Amino acid sequence: MTLSDHTLIFNSLNSKQPNSSRKLHIRRLFDLLHLCIQRRDWPRARRAWAILARCKEVDWRTMWRTSLLLLGEHDARISSAGHDSDKVGFLTVMMRQHPEERESILKELVLHFIRSGMYRRAMEELDLYLPSYPYQDNPVLHIYAGLIALYLAQPTQTDDTPSGAPYGHGWDSSLLRDAQAHLERARLIDPSNIVAGAFLSQVNCSDQHAVYSA
């Protein structure tokens, strides 16, 4: 059987027909990796990826999404918080090493900050990048910023909160304005975005309550 007679399932290594036994084995390993991912066989998927990442033909850094998917996935020894912490560290490194992928990596990084409950850290990261191009034209990043600002603007119930305080008492009007600005920017960039429109109505309602209770 010649190299061209082998049937390969998934596209990889630019989908070129392997011209050596080594490249054929690598392509077969790619097939195994993706089959294991689809079957959620995470231990075998991680072992296949560990071998591929050591092959000179594979630029594992450009395949950061695969690494992110497999990082601690369904590992009973690692807590959910540990998963997100590892992924945040990994994405932070990828941000520095791949500036051409930074916009996509930033979306993933912010999402994992949110999942880890690190809302202010997520907002700080967005505040750092959103004023500059191309991030300022990304509606998803503006929606993330708007929703985080809306979350942080919520009043916190404390022992000092007067009983019978009206709804809206304690809202942070500055953060509400930030949320409104980001959501309006997202809707301007993508008028069909229903998420921005839906939460803008919530922001306007909350802002009115904040004004009335001031």
N, C-alpha and C. Protein backbone atom coordinates (compact mmCIF):
# COMPACT_ATOMS: atom_id res chain seq x y z
N MET A 1 0.84 -1.20 0.00
CA MET A 1 0.00 0.00 0.00
C MET A 1 0.88 1.25 0.00
N THR A 2 0.62 2.17 -0.94
CA THR A 2 1.40 3.40 -1.01
C THR A 2 0.85 4.43 -0.03
N LEU A 3 1.63 5.49 0.17
CA LEU A 3 1.19 6.54 1.11
C LEU A 3 -0.11 7.18 0.67
N SER A 4 -0.32 7.30 -0.64
CA SER A 4 -1.52 7.96 -1.15
C SER A 4 -2.77 7.09 -1.01
N ASP A 5 -2.60 5.80 -0.69
CA ASP A 5 -3.74 4.91 -0.56
C ASP A 5 -4.38 4.97 0.83
N HIS A 6 -3.76 5.63 1.78
CA HIS A 6 -4.29 5.68 3.13
C HIS A 6 -5.43 6.71 3.22
N THR A 7 -6.48 6.31 3.89
CA THR A 7 -7.63 7.19 4.08
C THR A 7 -7.49 7.93 5.41
N LEU A 8 -7.56 9.28 5.34
CA LEU A 8 -7.46 10.12 6.53
C LEU A 8 -8.79 10.81 6.76
N ILE A 9 -9.15 10.98 8.02
CA ILE A 9 -10.50 11.46 8.35
C ILE A 9 -10.56 12.98 8.45
N PHE A 10 -9.61 13.59 9.17
CA PHE A 10 -9.67 15.02 9.47
C PHE A 10 -8.58 15.77 8.72
N ASN A 11 -8.85 17.04 8.45
CA ASN A 11 -7.85 17.90 7.83
C ASN A 11 -6.83 18.36 8.86
N SER A 12 -5.56 18.29 8.52
CA SER A 12 -4.50 18.74 9.41
C SER A 12 -3.23 18.91 8.60
N LEU A 13 -2.25 19.63 9.17
CA LEU A 13 -0.98 19.90 8.48
C LEU A 13 -1.22 20.42 7.08
N ASN A 14 -2.13 21.41 6.99
CA ASN A 14 -2.50 22.04 5.71
C ASN A 14 -3.15 21.06 4.75
N SER A 15 -3.59 19.92 5.27
CA SER A 15 -4.30 18.91 4.48
C SER A 15 -3.48 18.38 3.30
N LYS A 16 -2.19 18.50 3.37
CA LYS A 16 -1.35 17.96 2.30
C LYS A 16 -1.25 16.44 2.44
N GLN A 17 -1.18 15.77 1.30
CA GLN A 17 -1.02 14.33 1.33
C GLN A 17 0.34 13.99 1.92
N PRO A 18 0.41 13.15 2.95
CA PRO A 18 1.70 12.84 3.57
C PRO A 18 2.63 12.16 2.57
N ASN A 19 3.89 12.63 2.55
CA ASN A 19 4.86 12.08 1.60
C ASN A 19 5.95 11.27 2.31
N SER A 20 5.73 10.95 3.58
CA SER A 20 6.66 10.12 4.32
C SER A 20 5.90 9.35 5.39
N SER A 21 6.49 8.28 5.84
CA SER A 21 5.85 7.48 6.89
C SER A 21 5.64 8.28 8.15
N ARG A 22 6.60 9.15 8.47
CA ARG A 22 6.49 9.98 9.69
C ARG A 22 5.27 10.89 9.60
N LYS A 23 5.11 11.55 8.46
CA LYS A 23 3.98 12.47 8.32
C LYS A 23 2.66 11.70 8.30
N LEU A 24 2.68 10.50 7.78
CA LEU A 24 1.47 9.68 7.81
C LEU A 24 1.10 9.34 9.25
N HIS A 25 2.08 8.97 10.04
CA HIS A 25 1.82 8.65 11.46
C HIS A 25 1.28 9.88 12.19
N ILE A 26 1.82 11.06 11.87
CA ILE A 26 1.34 12.29 12.52
C ILE A 26 -0.11 12.56 12.13
N ARG A 27 -0.43 12.37 10.84
CA ARG A 27 -1.81 12.59 10.40
C ARG A 27 -2.75 11.60 11.08
N ARG A 28 -2.31 10.36 11.23
CA ARG A 28 -3.13 9.36 11.91
C ARG A 28 -3.34 9.75 13.37
N LEU A 29 -2.32 10.33 13.98
CA LEU A 29 -2.43 10.75 15.37
C LEU A 29 -3.40 11.93 15.50
N PHE A 30 -3.40 12.82 14.49
CA PHE A 30 -4.39 13.90 14.46
C PHE A 30 -5.80 13.32 14.41
N ASP A 31 -5.99 12.32 13.56
CA ASP A 31 -7.31 11.68 13.47
C ASP A 31 -7.72 11.10 14.82
N LEU A 32 -6.77 10.43 15.47
CA LEU A 32 -7.04 9.84 16.78
C LEU A 32 -7.40 10.92 17.80
N LEU A 33 -6.66 12.02 17.77
CA LEU A 33 -6.93 13.13 18.69
C LEU A 33 -8.36 13.63 18.54
N HIS A 34 -8.76 13.91 17.32
CA HIS A 34 -10.09 14.49 17.10
C HIS A 34 -11.20 13.48 17.37
N LEU A 35 -10.95 12.22 17.09
CA LEU A 35 -11.94 11.20 17.44
C LEU A 35 -12.12 11.10 18.96
N CYS A 36 -11.02 11.16 19.68
CA CYS A 36 -11.10 11.10 21.14
C CYS A 36 -11.82 12.32 21.71
N ILE A 37 -11.59 13.49 21.11
CA ILE A 37 -12.29 14.69 21.56
C ILE A 37 -13.78 14.56 21.32
N GLN A 38 -14.15 14.08 20.13
CA GLN A 38 -15.58 13.94 19.83
C GLN A 38 -16.25 12.91 20.74
N ARG A 39 -15.50 11.90 21.14
CA ARG A 39 -16.05 10.87 22.02
C ARG A 39 -15.86 11.23 23.50
N ARG A 40 -15.27 12.39 23.75
CA ARG A 40 -15.00 12.86 25.11
C ARG A 40 -14.11 11.88 25.89
N ASP A 41 -13.21 11.28 25.17
CA ASP A 41 -12.21 10.40 25.78
C ASP A 41 -10.99 11.26 26.09
N TRP A 42 -11.10 12.04 27.18
CA TRP A 42 -10.10 13.06 27.47
C TRP A 42 -8.72 12.50 27.81
N PRO A 43 -8.58 11.42 28.55
CA PRO A 43 -7.23 10.91 28.83
C PRO A 43 -6.46 10.54 27.55
N ARG A 44 -7.13 9.84 26.61
CA ARG A 44 -6.45 9.47 25.37
C ARG A 44 -6.20 10.70 24.50
N ALA A 45 -7.13 11.64 24.51
CA ALA A 45 -6.94 12.87 23.73
C ALA A 45 -5.72 13.63 24.23
N ARG A 46 -5.56 13.70 25.56
CA ARG A 46 -4.41 14.41 26.12
C ARG A 46 -3.09 13.71 25.78
N ARG A 47 -3.11 12.38 25.79
CA ARG A 47 -1.89 11.64 25.45
C ARG A 47 -1.52 11.85 23.98
N ALA A 48 -2.52 11.83 23.10
CA ALA A 48 -2.26 12.07 21.67
C ALA A 48 -1.72 13.48 21.46
N TRP A 49 -2.31 14.46 22.15
CA TRP A 49 -1.87 15.84 22.00
C TRP A 49 -0.46 16.04 22.56
N ALA A 50 -0.13 15.35 23.62
CA ALA A 50 1.21 15.46 24.20
C ALA A 50 2.27 14.98 23.22
N ILE A 51 1.95 13.95 22.44
CA ILE A 51 2.90 13.47 21.43
C ILE A 51 2.98 14.45 20.27
N LEU A 52 1.82 14.91 19.78
CA LEU A 52 1.80 15.82 18.64
C LEU A 52 2.54 17.12 18.95
N ALA A 53 2.37 17.63 20.17
CA ALA A 53 2.99 18.91 20.53
C ALA A 53 4.51 18.84 20.51
N ARG A 54 5.06 17.64 20.56
CA ARG A 54 6.51 17.47 20.52
C ARG A 54 7.06 17.28 19.10
N CYS A 55 6.16 17.17 18.14
CA CYS A 55 6.59 16.96 16.75
C CYS A 55 6.94 18.30 16.11
N LYS A 56 8.05 18.36 15.42
CA LYS A 56 8.49 19.62 14.81
C LYS A 56 7.54 20.08 13.71
N GLU A 57 6.78 19.14 13.14
CA GLU A 57 5.84 19.50 12.07
C GLU A 57 4.60 20.21 12.60
N VAL A 58 4.41 20.17 13.90
CA VAL A 58 3.20 20.72 14.51
C VAL A 58 3.55 21.98 15.29
N ASP A 59 2.97 23.09 14.90
CA ASP A 59 3.14 24.35 15.65
C ASP A 59 2.03 24.42 16.69
N TRP A 60 2.28 23.83 17.84
CA TRP A 60 1.24 23.71 18.86
C TRP A 60 0.76 25.06 19.37
N ARG A 61 1.60 26.09 19.27
CA ARG A 61 1.20 27.40 19.80
C ARG A 61 0.07 28.01 18.98
N THR A 62 0.04 27.72 17.67
CA THR A 62 -1.05 28.25 16.86
C THR A 62 -2.34 27.45 17.06
N MET A 63 -2.22 26.31 17.73
CA MET A 63 -3.39 25.47 18.02
C MET A 63 -3.77 25.61 19.49
N TRP A 64 -3.74 26.84 19.99
CA TRP A 64 -3.98 27.09 21.40
C TRP A 64 -5.40 26.68 21.82
N ARG A 65 -6.35 26.70 20.88
CA ARG A 65 -7.71 26.30 21.25
C ARG A 65 -7.77 24.83 21.65
N THR A 66 -6.99 24.00 20.95
CA THR A 66 -6.95 22.58 21.31
C THR A 66 -6.33 22.40 22.70
N SER A 67 -5.24 23.12 22.95
CA SER A 67 -4.60 23.05 24.27
C SER A 67 -5.56 23.50 25.36
N LEU A 68 -6.29 24.58 25.08
CA LEU A 68 -7.24 25.11 26.06
C LEU A 68 -8.34 24.10 26.36
N LEU A 69 -8.82 23.44 25.32
CA LEU A 69 -9.89 22.46 25.49
C LEU A 69 -9.45 21.31 26.38
N LEU A 70 -8.21 20.87 26.20
CA LEU A 70 -7.73 19.68 26.90
C LEU A 70 -7.14 19.98 28.27
N LEU A 71 -6.91 21.26 28.56
CA LEU A 71 -6.23 21.62 29.79
C LEU A 71 -7.09 21.31 31.01
N GLY A 72 -6.79 20.20 31.67
CA GLY A 72 -7.50 19.82 32.89
C GLY A 72 -8.92 19.36 32.68
N GLU A 73 -9.34 19.19 31.41
CA GLU A 73 -10.73 18.83 31.16
C GLU A 73 -11.06 17.45 31.75
N HIS A 74 -12.11 17.42 32.56
CA HIS A 74 -12.63 16.18 33.16
C HIS A 74 -11.54 15.43 33.94
N ASP A 75 -10.66 16.19 34.56
CA ASP A 75 -9.66 15.59 35.44
C ASP A 75 -10.19 15.68 36.87
N ALA A 76 -10.56 14.55 37.44
CA ALA A 76 -11.20 14.54 38.76
C ALA A 76 -10.29 15.08 39.84
N ARG A 77 -8.98 15.11 39.57
CA ARG A 77 -8.03 15.59 40.59
C ARG A 77 -8.01 17.11 40.68
N ILE A 78 -8.60 17.78 39.69
CA ILE A 78 -8.57 19.24 39.65
C ILE A 78 -9.98 19.78 39.80
N SER A 79 -10.16 20.75 40.69
CA SER A 79 -11.47 21.35 40.89
C SER A 79 -11.83 22.25 39.72
N SER A 80 -13.10 22.63 39.66
CA SER A 80 -13.55 23.52 38.59
C SER A 80 -12.79 24.85 38.64
N ALA A 81 -12.59 25.36 39.85
CA ALA A 81 -11.83 26.61 40.00
C ALA A 81 -10.40 26.43 39.53
N GLY A 82 -9.84 25.24 39.80
CA GLY A 82 -8.48 24.96 39.35
C GLY A 82 -8.37 24.92 37.84
N HIS A 83 -9.40 24.35 37.18
CA HIS A 83 -9.43 24.33 35.72
C HIS A 83 -9.32 25.74 35.17
N ASP A 84 -10.20 26.62 35.68
CA ASP A 84 -10.23 27.98 35.16
C ASP A 84 -8.94 28.73 35.49
N SER A 85 -8.36 28.49 36.66
CA SER A 85 -7.11 29.15 37.02
C SER A 85 -5.99 28.73 36.06
N ASP A 86 -5.91 27.43 35.74
CA ASP A 86 -4.90 26.95 34.80
C ASP A 86 -5.11 27.56 33.42
N LYS A 87 -6.37 27.64 33.01
CA LYS A 87 -6.66 28.17 31.68
C LYS A 87 -6.37 29.66 31.60
N VAL A 88 -6.63 30.39 32.68
CA VAL A 88 -6.30 31.82 32.72
C VAL A 88 -4.80 32.02 32.56
N GLY A 89 -4.01 31.22 33.28
CA GLY A 89 -2.56 31.32 33.17
C GLY A 89 -2.08 30.99 31.77
N PHE A 90 -2.64 29.95 31.17
CA PHE A 90 -2.27 29.55 29.81
C PHE A 90 -2.61 30.65 28.80
N LEU A 91 -3.82 31.19 28.90
CA LEU A 91 -4.24 32.23 27.95
C LEU A 91 -3.42 33.50 28.11
N THR A 92 -3.02 33.81 29.33
CA THR A 92 -2.18 35.00 29.56
C THR A 92 -0.85 34.85 28.83
N VAL A 93 -0.27 33.66 28.89
CA VAL A 93 0.99 33.40 28.17
C VAL A 93 0.77 33.49 26.67
N MET A 94 -0.33 32.90 26.17
CA MET A 94 -0.63 32.93 24.74
C MET A 94 -0.84 34.36 24.23
N MET A 95 -1.41 35.22 25.07
CA MET A 95 -1.61 36.62 24.69
C MET A 95 -0.28 37.29 24.36
N ARG A 96 0.74 36.97 25.15
CA ARG A 96 2.05 37.57 24.94
C ARG A 96 2.77 36.98 23.73
N GLN A 97 2.59 35.69 23.50
CA GLN A 97 3.33 35.01 22.45
C GLN A 97 2.70 35.13 21.07
N HIS A 98 1.40 35.42 21.02
CA HIS A 98 0.70 35.46 19.73
C HIS A 98 -0.11 36.74 19.59
N PRO A 99 0.55 37.86 19.33
CA PRO A 99 -0.19 39.12 19.19
C PRO A 99 -1.21 39.10 18.05
N GLU A 100 -0.95 38.29 17.02
CA GLU A 100 -1.90 38.24 15.89
C GLU A 100 -3.20 37.54 16.27
N GLU A 101 -3.18 36.75 17.35
CA GLU A 101 -4.37 36.04 17.83
C GLU A 101 -4.94 36.69 19.09
N ARG A 102 -4.41 37.84 19.45
CA ARG A 102 -4.73 38.43 20.75
C ARG A 102 -6.22 38.73 20.92
N GLU A 103 -6.87 39.16 19.85
CA GLU A 103 -8.29 39.51 19.97
C GLU A 103 -9.13 38.29 20.33
N SER A 104 -8.87 37.16 19.67
CA SER A 104 -9.62 35.93 19.97
C SER A 104 -9.26 35.41 21.35
N ILE A 105 -7.97 35.47 21.70
CA ILE A 105 -7.54 34.97 23.00
C ILE A 105 -8.13 35.83 24.11
N LEU A 106 -8.23 37.15 23.89
CA LEU A 106 -8.79 38.04 24.90
C LEU A 106 -10.22 37.67 25.24
N LYS A 107 -11.01 37.30 24.24
CA LYS A 107 -12.40 36.90 24.51
C LYS A 107 -12.44 35.66 25.41
N GLU A 108 -11.57 34.70 25.12
CA GLU A 108 -11.52 33.50 25.96
C GLU A 108 -11.03 33.83 27.37
N LEU A 109 -10.04 34.70 27.44
CA LEU A 109 -9.46 35.06 28.75
C LEU A 109 -10.51 35.73 29.63
N VAL A 110 -11.22 36.68 29.07
CA VAL A 110 -12.26 37.39 29.83
C VAL A 110 -13.34 36.42 30.28
N LEU A 111 -13.71 35.50 29.40
CA LEU A 111 -14.74 34.52 29.75
C LEU A 111 -14.31 33.66 30.93
N HIS A 112 -13.03 33.26 30.96
CA HIS A 112 -12.55 32.43 32.07
C HIS A 112 -12.37 33.24 33.35
N PHE A 113 -12.05 34.54 33.22
CA PHE A 113 -12.04 35.40 34.41
C PHE A 113 -13.44 35.44 35.02
N ILE A 114 -14.45 35.56 34.16
CA ILE A 114 -15.83 35.61 34.64
C ILE A 114 -16.22 34.30 35.32
N ARG A 115 -15.86 33.20 34.68
CA ARG A 115 -16.19 31.89 35.26
C ARG A 115 -15.50 31.68 36.60
N SER A 116 -14.34 32.31 36.78
CA SER A 116 -13.60 32.19 38.04
C SER A 116 -14.09 33.18 39.09
N GLY A 117 -15.07 34.02 38.73
CA GLY A 117 -15.57 35.02 39.66
C GLY A 117 -14.68 36.24 39.78
N MET A 118 -13.71 36.38 38.85
CA MET A 118 -12.75 37.50 38.90
C MET A 118 -13.27 38.63 38.00
N TYR A 119 -14.41 39.21 38.40
CA TYR A 119 -15.09 40.18 37.55
C TYR A 119 -14.29 41.47 37.38
N ARG A 120 -13.71 41.95 38.44
CA ARG A 120 -12.94 43.19 38.34
C ARG A 120 -11.67 42.98 37.52
N ARG A 121 -11.07 41.80 37.64
CA ARG A 121 -9.89 41.51 36.82
C ARG A 121 -10.28 41.46 35.33
N ALA A 122 -11.45 40.88 35.06
CA ALA A 122 -11.94 40.84 33.69
C ALA A 122 -12.15 42.25 33.15
N MET A 123 -12.74 43.12 33.99
CA MET A 123 -12.99 44.50 33.56
C MET A 123 -11.69 45.26 33.34
N GLU A 124 -10.71 45.01 34.20
CA GLU A 124 -9.41 45.66 34.03
C GLU A 124 -8.76 45.26 32.70
N GLU A 125 -8.89 43.99 32.35
CA GLU A 125 -8.32 43.51 31.09
C GLU A 125 -9.02 44.16 29.90
N LEU A 126 -10.33 44.27 29.98
CA LEU A 126 -11.09 44.91 28.90
C LEU A 126 -10.78 46.40 28.81
N ASP A 127 -10.67 47.07 29.96
CA ASP A 127 -10.35 48.50 29.97
C ASP A 127 -8.99 48.77 29.34
N LEU A 128 -8.09 47.80 29.44
CA LEU A 128 -6.75 47.95 28.89
C LEU A 128 -6.77 47.91 27.36
N TYR A 129 -7.62 47.05 26.79
CA TYR A 129 -7.58 46.82 25.34
C TYR A 129 -8.68 47.53 24.56
N LEU A 130 -9.86 47.71 25.16
CA LEU A 130 -10.99 48.23 24.39
C LEU A 130 -10.78 49.62 23.77
N PRO A 131 -10.00 50.51 24.37
CA PRO A 131 -9.83 51.82 23.73
C PRO A 131 -9.06 51.78 22.42
N SER A 132 -8.39 50.67 22.12
CA SER A 132 -7.52 50.62 20.94
C SER A 132 -8.09 49.69 19.87
N TYR A 133 -7.61 49.89 18.65
CA TYR A 133 -8.00 49.05 17.51
C TYR A 133 -7.19 47.76 17.55
N PRO A 134 -7.79 46.61 17.16
CA PRO A 134 -9.14 46.39 16.62
C PRO A 134 -10.18 46.06 17.68
N TYR A 135 -9.79 46.07 18.95
CA TYR A 135 -10.69 45.64 20.02
C TYR A 135 -11.91 46.55 20.14
N GLN A 136 -11.74 47.83 19.84
CA GLN A 136 -12.84 48.78 19.99
C GLN A 136 -13.99 48.51 19.02
N ASP A 137 -13.72 47.72 17.97
CA ASP A 137 -14.75 47.39 16.99
C ASP A 137 -15.28 45.97 17.16
N ASN A 138 -15.02 45.37 18.30
CA ASN A 138 -15.48 44.00 18.55
C ASN A 138 -16.72 44.05 19.44
N PRO A 139 -17.91 43.73 18.89
CA PRO A 139 -19.14 43.84 19.70
C PRO A 139 -19.17 42.88 20.88
N VAL A 140 -18.56 41.70 20.73
CA VAL A 140 -18.57 40.71 21.82
C VAL A 140 -17.83 41.26 23.03
N LEU A 141 -16.67 41.90 22.81
CA LEU A 141 -15.91 42.45 23.92
C LEU A 141 -16.68 43.58 24.62
N HIS A 142 -17.40 44.38 23.83
CA HIS A 142 -18.20 45.46 24.44
C HIS A 142 -19.38 44.89 25.24
N ILE A 143 -19.96 43.79 24.77
CA ILE A 143 -21.05 43.16 25.53
C ILE A 143 -20.50 42.59 26.83
N TYR A 144 -19.35 41.93 26.77
CA TYR A 144 -18.72 41.44 28.00
C TYR A 144 -18.52 42.59 28.99
N ALA A 145 -17.96 43.70 28.48
CA ALA A 145 -17.68 44.85 29.36
C ALA A 145 -18.97 45.43 29.93
N GLY A 146 -20.01 45.50 29.09
CA GLY A 146 -21.29 46.04 29.55
C GLY A 146 -21.93 45.17 30.62
N LEU A 147 -21.89 43.87 30.42
CA LEU A 147 -22.52 42.96 31.40
C LEU A 147 -21.74 42.90 32.70
N ILE A 148 -20.42 42.97 32.60
CA ILE A 148 -19.61 42.97 33.84
C ILE A 148 -19.87 44.26 34.63
N ALA A 149 -19.90 45.39 33.91
CA ALA A 149 -20.16 46.67 34.58
C ALA A 149 -21.55 46.66 35.23
N LEU A 150 -22.53 46.08 34.54
CA LEU A 150 -23.88 45.99 35.10
C LEU A 150 -23.89 45.12 36.35
N TYR A 151 -23.14 44.03 36.32
CA TYR A 151 -23.06 43.14 37.48
C TYR A 151 -22.40 43.85 38.67
N LEU A 152 -21.30 44.55 38.39
CA LEU A 152 -20.59 45.22 39.47
C LEU A 152 -21.36 46.42 40.02
N ALA A 153 -22.28 46.95 39.22
CA ALA A 153 -23.05 48.12 39.64
C ALA A 153 -24.16 47.76 40.63
N GLN A 154 -24.45 46.48 40.75
CA GLN A 154 -25.55 46.06 41.62
C GLN A 154 -25.30 46.45 43.08
N PRO A 155 -26.35 46.81 43.77
CA PRO A 155 -26.19 47.10 45.21
C PRO A 155 -25.90 45.83 45.98
N THR A 156 -25.10 45.95 46.99
CA THR A 156 -24.79 44.80 47.85
C THR A 156 -25.57 44.93 49.14
N GLN A 157 -26.16 43.84 49.54
CA GLN A 157 -26.95 43.83 50.78
C GLN A 157 -26.01 43.70 51.98
N THR A 158 -25.99 44.69 52.83
CA THR A 158 -25.14 44.68 54.02
C THR A 158 -25.98 44.93 55.25
N ASP A 159 -25.35 44.82 56.40
CA ASP A 159 -26.04 45.07 57.66
C ASP A 159 -26.46 46.52 57.80
N ASP A 160 -25.75 47.42 57.04
CA ASP A 160 -26.06 48.84 57.13
C ASP A 160 -27.20 49.25 56.20
N THR A 161 -27.64 48.32 55.34
CA THR A 161 -28.71 48.66 54.41
C THR A 161 -30.01 48.88 55.19
N PRO A 162 -30.62 50.06 55.05
CA PRO A 162 -31.83 50.32 55.82
C PRO A 162 -32.96 49.38 55.41
N SER A 163 -33.71 48.92 56.40
CA SER A 163 -34.84 48.04 56.11
C SER A 163 -35.88 48.82 55.31
N GLY A 164 -36.47 48.14 54.34
CA GLY A 164 -37.48 48.79 53.52
C GLY A 164 -36.89 49.73 52.50
N ALA A 165 -35.59 49.62 52.24
CA ALA A 165 -34.96 50.50 51.24
C ALA A 165 -35.58 50.24 49.88
N PRO A 166 -35.86 51.28 49.09
CA PRO A 166 -36.51 51.09 47.79
C PRO A 166 -35.61 50.34 46.82
N TYR A 167 -36.27 49.67 45.83
CA TYR A 167 -35.51 48.99 44.80
C TYR A 167 -34.64 50.03 44.08
N GLY A 168 -33.39 49.68 43.86
CA GLY A 168 -32.48 50.61 43.21
C GLY A 168 -31.54 51.28 44.18
N HIS A 169 -31.83 51.12 45.48
CA HIS A 169 -30.96 51.74 46.48
C HIS A 169 -29.56 51.14 46.40
N GLY A 170 -28.56 52.00 46.27
CA GLY A 170 -27.18 51.54 46.30
C GLY A 170 -26.57 51.20 44.95
N TRP A 171 -27.30 51.37 43.85
CA TRP A 171 -26.72 51.11 42.53
C TRP A 171 -25.61 52.12 42.25
N ASP A 172 -24.54 51.63 41.59
CA ASP A 172 -23.42 52.49 41.23
C ASP A 172 -23.74 53.15 39.89
N SER A 173 -24.10 54.41 39.92
CA SER A 173 -24.53 55.10 38.70
C SER A 173 -23.39 55.25 37.69
N SER A 174 -22.15 55.35 38.16
CA SER A 174 -21.01 55.46 37.26
C SER A 174 -20.83 54.18 36.45
N LEU A 175 -20.92 53.03 37.14
CA LEU A 175 -20.79 51.75 36.44
C LEU A 175 -21.98 51.50 35.52
N LEU A 176 -23.16 51.98 35.91
CA LEU A 176 -24.33 51.85 35.03
C LEU A 176 -24.12 52.62 33.74
N ARG A 177 -23.52 53.81 33.83
CA ARG A 177 -23.23 54.59 32.62
C ARG A 177 -22.21 53.87 31.75
N ASP A 178 -21.21 53.26 32.40
CA ASP A 178 -20.22 52.49 31.65
C ASP A 178 -20.89 51.32 30.92
N ALA A 179 -21.77 50.62 31.63
CA ALA A 179 -22.48 49.49 31.03
C ALA A 179 -23.30 49.95 29.83
N GLN A 180 -24.00 51.08 29.99
CA GLN A 180 -24.81 51.61 28.91
C GLN A 180 -23.95 51.98 27.70
N ALA A 181 -22.81 52.61 27.94
CA ALA A 181 -21.93 53.02 26.85
C ALA A 181 -21.41 51.81 26.07
N HIS A 182 -21.00 50.76 26.78
CA HIS A 182 -20.48 49.57 26.11
C HIS A 182 -21.58 48.85 25.32
N LEU A 183 -22.76 48.73 25.90
CA LEU A 183 -23.85 48.04 25.20
C LEU A 183 -24.32 48.84 23.99
N GLU A 184 -24.34 50.16 24.12
CA GLU A 184 -24.71 50.99 22.97
C GLU A 184 -23.67 50.89 21.86
N ARG A 185 -22.40 50.81 22.25
CA ARG A 185 -21.34 50.63 21.26
C ARG A 185 -21.48 49.29 20.55
N ALA A 186 -21.80 48.24 21.31
CA ALA A 186 -21.99 46.91 20.71
C ALA A 186 -23.16 46.92 19.72
N ARG A 187 -24.25 47.60 20.08
CA ARG A 187 -25.41 47.67 19.20
C ARG A 187 -25.12 48.51 17.96
N LEU A 188 -24.30 49.54 18.12
CA LEU A 188 -23.91 50.36 16.98
C LEU A 188 -23.08 49.55 15.98
N ILE A 189 -22.16 48.74 16.49
CA ILE A 189 -21.31 47.92 15.63
C ILE A 189 -22.13 46.81 14.98
N ASP A 190 -23.04 46.21 15.76
CA ASP A 190 -23.85 45.08 15.28
C ASP A 190 -25.31 45.34 15.63
N PRO A 191 -26.04 46.07 14.75
CA PRO A 191 -27.43 46.43 15.05
C PRO A 191 -28.35 45.23 15.26
N SER A 192 -27.98 44.07 14.75
CA SER A 192 -28.83 42.89 14.88
C SER A 192 -28.58 42.13 16.19
N ASN A 193 -27.68 42.63 17.01
CA ASN A 193 -27.33 41.93 18.25
C ASN A 193 -28.45 42.12 19.27
N ILE A 194 -29.21 41.06 19.51
CA ILE A 194 -30.36 41.16 20.42
C ILE A 194 -29.93 41.19 21.88
N VAL A 195 -28.73 40.66 22.18
CA VAL A 195 -28.26 40.67 23.57
C VAL A 195 -28.04 42.10 24.04
N ALA A 196 -27.39 42.89 23.19
CA ALA A 196 -27.13 44.29 23.55
C ALA A 196 -28.43 45.04 23.77
N GLY A 197 -29.40 44.85 22.87
CA GLY A 197 -30.68 45.54 23.00
C GLY A 197 -31.44 45.14 24.25
N ALA A 198 -31.43 43.85 24.56
CA ALA A 198 -32.17 43.36 25.73
C ALA A 198 -31.60 43.92 27.02
N PHE A 199 -30.27 43.93 27.14
CA PHE A 199 -29.67 44.40 28.39
C PHE A 199 -29.65 45.93 28.47
N LEU A 200 -29.71 46.61 27.35
CA LEU A 200 -29.79 48.07 27.40
C LEU A 200 -31.08 48.50 28.10
N SER A 201 -32.17 47.80 27.84
CA SER A 201 -33.42 48.14 28.51
C SER A 201 -33.30 47.93 30.02
N GLN A 202 -32.56 46.89 30.44
CA GLN A 202 -32.34 46.64 31.86
C GLN A 202 -31.47 47.73 32.49
N VAL A 203 -30.44 48.15 31.74
CA VAL A 203 -29.56 49.21 32.24
C VAL A 203 -30.34 50.50 32.43
N ASN A 204 -31.18 50.85 31.45
CA ASN A 204 -31.96 52.08 31.55
C ASN A 204 -32.90 52.05 32.74
N CYS A 205 -33.50 50.88 32.98
CA CYS A 205 -34.41 50.73 34.12
C CYS A 205 -33.65 50.88 35.44
N SER A 206 -32.49 50.22 35.52
CA SER A 206 -31.69 50.29 36.74
C SER A 206 -31.17 51.70 36.98
N ASP A 207 -30.82 52.38 35.88
CA ASP A 207 -30.30 53.74 36.01
C ASP A 207 -31.36 54.68 36.55
N GLN A 208 -32.60 54.51 36.10
CA GLN A 208 -33.67 55.34 36.60
C GLN A 208 -33.90 55.12 38.10
N HIS A 209 -33.84 53.86 38.53
CA HIS A 209 -34.00 53.56 39.95
C HIS A 209 -32.86 54.15 40.76
N ALA A 210 -31.66 54.13 40.17
CA ALA A 210 -30.50 54.69 40.88
C ALA A 210 -30.66 56.19 41.06
N VAL A 211 -31.22 56.86 40.05
CA VAL A 211 -31.41 58.30 40.12
C VAL A 211 -32.49 58.63 41.15
N TYR A 212 -33.60 57.86 41.12
CA TYR A 212 -34.70 58.15 42.03
C TYR A 212 -34.33 57.91 43.49
N SER A 213 -33.42 56.93 43.70
CA SER A 213 -33.07 56.61 45.08
C SER A 213 -31.91 57.43 45.60
N ALA A 214 -31.30 58.24 44.73
CA ALA A 214 -30.15 59.05 45.13
C ALA A 214 -30.59 60.16 46.08
